[in-house]
């Protein structure tokens, strides 16, 4: 406890003041916007999965993965081909 008092006496930090109400409101709005953006991304991902399942693409890709088959792509950079499982 004395170390804290000694530190304060030595450094003389400014007194803490609570943030202005406008700043608190702005922080809340930014937090809410971030949450809404995350929810939007989740819904877009769900929509993509739903469409893939309806079209059969997802089940075809899963079948290839489970059977060990995969798509092979070559790069124009001259590097060796990479294997992507879809």
Protein backbone atom coordinates (compact mmCIF):
# COMPACT_ATOMS: atom_id res chain seq x y z
CA UNK A 1 0.00 0.00 0.00
CA UNK A 2 2.85 2.38 0.76
CA UNK A 3 4.45 1.66 -2.60
CA UNK A 4 1.37 3.02 -4.33
CA UNK A 5 1.40 6.17 -2.22
CA UNK A 6 5.13 6.61 -2.81
CA UNK A 7 4.65 6.18 -6.56
CA UNK A 8 1.85 8.76 -6.61
CA UNK A 9 3.87 11.22 -4.57
CA UNK A 10 6.88 10.78 -6.83
CA UNK A 11 5.14 10.81 -10.25
CA UNK A 12 2.16 13.07 -9.44
CA UNK A 13 -0.20 11.55 -12.04
CA UNK A 14 -3.20 13.66 -13.06
CA UNK A 15 -6.46 13.05 -11.25
CA UNK A 16 -8.74 10.61 -13.03
CA UNK A 17 -11.88 12.05 -14.50
CA UNK A 18 -14.67 9.93 -15.94
CA UNK A 19 -15.09 10.15 -19.71
CA UNK A 20 -17.62 12.62 -21.03
CA UNK A 21 -21.10 11.17 -21.59
CA UNK A 22 -20.68 11.74 -25.34
CA UNK A 23 -17.55 9.58 -25.37
CA UNK A 24 -19.32 6.81 -23.47
CA UNK A 25 -22.18 6.96 -25.98
CA UNK A 26 -19.77 6.87 -28.91
CA UNK A 27 -18.00 3.82 -27.47
CA UNK A 28 -21.36 2.07 -27.03
CA UNK A 29 -22.34 2.85 -30.61
CA UNK A 30 -19.03 1.56 -31.98
CA UNK A 31 -19.36 -1.61 -29.89
CA UNK A 32 -22.89 -2.15 -31.22
CA UNK A 33 -21.77 -1.54 -34.83
CA UNK A 34 -18.97 -4.09 -34.42
CA UNK A 35 -21.45 -6.64 -33.06
CA UNK A 36 -23.83 -6.01 -35.98
CA UNK A 37 -20.98 -6.46 -38.49
CA UNK A 38 -20.05 -9.80 -36.87
CA UNK A 39 -23.69 -10.92 -37.01
CA UNK A 40 -23.94 -9.90 -40.67
CA UNK A 41 -20.83 -11.90 -41.51
CA UNK A 42 -22.24 -14.93 -39.68
CA UNK A 43 -25.50 -14.69 -41.61
CA UNK A 44 -23.70 -14.33 -44.94
CA UNK A 45 -21.64 -17.42 -44.11
CA UNK A 46 -24.80 -19.35 -43.18
CA UNK A 47 -26.39 -18.31 -46.47
CA UNK A 48 -23.36 -19.52 -48.45
CA UNK A 49 -23.42 -22.87 -46.64
CA UNK A 50 -27.15 -23.22 -47.16
CA UNK A 51 -26.83 -22.54 -50.88
CA UNK A 52 -23.89 -24.93 -51.19
CA UNK A 53 -25.85 -27.68 -49.45
CA UNK A 54 -28.88 -27.13 -51.69
CA UNK A 55 -26.77 -27.26 -54.85
CA UNK A 56 -24.91 -30.38 -53.77
CA UNK A 57 -21.50 -28.71 -54.01
CA UNK A 58 -20.81 -29.14 -50.32
CA UNK A 59 -21.61 -32.85 -50.30
CA UNK A 60 -19.48 -33.42 -53.43
CA UNK A 61 -16.57 -31.59 -51.84
CA UNK A 62 -16.97 -33.50 -48.59
CA UNK A 63 -17.05 -36.79 -50.51
CA UNK A 64 -13.76 -35.88 -52.24
CA UNK A 65 -12.15 -34.93 -48.95
CA UNK A 66 -13.25 -38.10 -47.21
CA UNK A 67 -12.13 -40.30 -50.09
CA UNK A 68 -8.71 -38.63 -50.23
CA UNK A 69 -9.21 -37.07 -53.64
CA UNK A 70 -8.52 -33.39 -54.01
CA UNK A 71 -8.20 -30.70 -56.62
CA UNK A 72 -4.69 -29.82 -57.67
CA UNK A 73 -3.84 -26.36 -58.85
CA UNK A 74 -0.69 -25.09 -60.46
CA UNK A 75 0.61 -21.62 -59.98
CA UNK A 76 1.98 -19.46 -62.75
CA UNK A 77 4.94 -18.61 -60.55
CA UNK A 78 6.65 -21.86 -61.49
CA UNK A 79 6.45 -23.29 -57.99
CA UNK A 80 5.38 -26.86 -57.53
CA UNK A 81 1.62 -27.52 -57.56
CA UNK A 82 -0.32 -27.10 -54.36
CA UNK A 83 -3.16 -29.32 -53.26
CA UNK A 84 -6.40 -27.73 -52.16
CA UNK A 85 -9.20 -29.78 -50.69
CA UNK A 86 -12.61 -28.41 -51.50
